[in-house]
């Protein structure tokens, strides 16, 4: 991810790459006590996706992985 993550869910928009797939929210680095249930998000379908729990918006950047 291109921006350093805070230790809580304070981020509202993040850019992700193929290295971040499979994408889930809360992302790695967020303390479990401050999060919500983990949900996997399909950012490849449209290039953008928002978490239904916290509203964090993820945007895909770069080349899509082969086979997706």
Protein backbone atom coordinates (compact mmCIF):
# COMPACT_ATOMS: atom_id res chain seq x y z
CA UNK A 1 0.00 0.00 0.00
CA UNK A 2 1.33 3.37 -0.87
CA UNK A 3 0.59 5.19 2.40
CA UNK A 4 1.78 4.10 5.82
CA UNK A 5 -1.07 2.68 7.83
CA UNK A 6 -2.04 4.13 11.14
CA UNK A 7 -2.46 1.66 13.96
CA UNK A 8 -6.23 2.25 13.89
CA UNK A 9 -8.78 2.51 11.10
CA UNK A 10 -8.23 6.22 10.54
CA UNK A 11 -7.31 5.88 6.86
CA UNK A 12 -10.12 6.80 4.49
CA UNK A 13 -8.47 6.13 1.11
CA UNK A 14 -5.68 3.74 0.19
CA UNK A 15 -4.07 2.74 -3.09
CA UNK A 16 -3.28 -0.97 -3.43
CA UNK A 17 -1.27 -3.03 -5.91
CA UNK A 18 -1.16 -6.69 -6.91
CA UNK A 19 1.20 -7.32 -3.98
CA UNK A 20 -1.67 -6.42 -1.59
CA UNK A 21 -4.01 -9.10 -2.96
CA UNK A 22 -6.10 -10.77 -1.75
CA UNK A 23 -7.37 -7.50 -0.34
CA UNK A 24 -9.05 -7.46 3.03
CA UNK A 25 -10.14 -4.86 5.52
CA UNK A 26 -8.97 -4.15 8.12
CA UNK A 27 -5.55 -4.31 6.46
CA UNK A 28 -2.39 -5.66 8.02
CA UNK A 29 -0.97 -3.41 10.71
CA UNK A 30 -4.29 -2.38 12.25
CA UNK A 31 -4.65 -3.36 15.88
CA UNK A 32 -7.35 -6.00 16.26
CA UNK A 33 -9.10 -4.25 19.14
CA UNK A 34 -9.82 -1.19 16.99
CA UNK A 35 -11.06 -3.07 13.96
CA UNK A 36 -14.12 -4.75 12.63
CA UNK A 37 -14.61 -8.31 11.31
CA UNK A 38 -12.26 -9.08 8.42
CA UNK A 39 -13.95 -8.78 5.05
CA UNK A 40 -12.34 -9.64 1.72
CA UNK A 41 -12.88 -7.04 -1.01
CA UNK A 42 -12.83 -7.44 -4.82
CA UNK A 43 -10.95 -4.35 -5.96
CA UNK A 44 -10.12 -5.84 -9.38
CA UNK A 45 -13.70 -5.88 -10.65
CA UNK A 46 -14.04 -2.10 -11.01
CA UNK A 47 -10.69 -0.79 -9.79
CA UNK A 48 -12.26 0.68 -6.64
CA UNK A 49 -14.07 -0.72 -3.64
CA UNK A 50 -15.22 0.58 -0.25
CA UNK A 51 -15.31 -1.42 2.96
CA UNK A 52 -18.92 -1.95 4.05
CA UNK A 53 -17.91 -1.67 7.73
CA UNK A 54 -15.64 1.36 7.99
CA UNK A 55 -15.96 3.03 4.59
CA UNK A 56 -12.25 2.95 3.77
CA UNK A 57 -11.91 3.31 0.00
CA UNK A 58 -9.38 1.17 -1.85
CA UNK A 59 -8.18 1.96 -5.37
CA UNK A 60 -6.16 -0.50 -7.45
CA UNK A 61 -3.07 0.79 -9.21
CA UNK A 62 -0.77 -1.00 -11.62
CA UNK A 63 -1.01 -4.15 -13.68
CA UNK A 64 -3.64 -6.70 -12.73
CA UNK A 65 -2.27 -10.11 -11.82
CA UNK A 66 -2.60 -12.82 -14.47
CA UNK A 67 -5.53 -15.18 -14.03
CA UNK A 68 -7.84 -12.58 -12.49
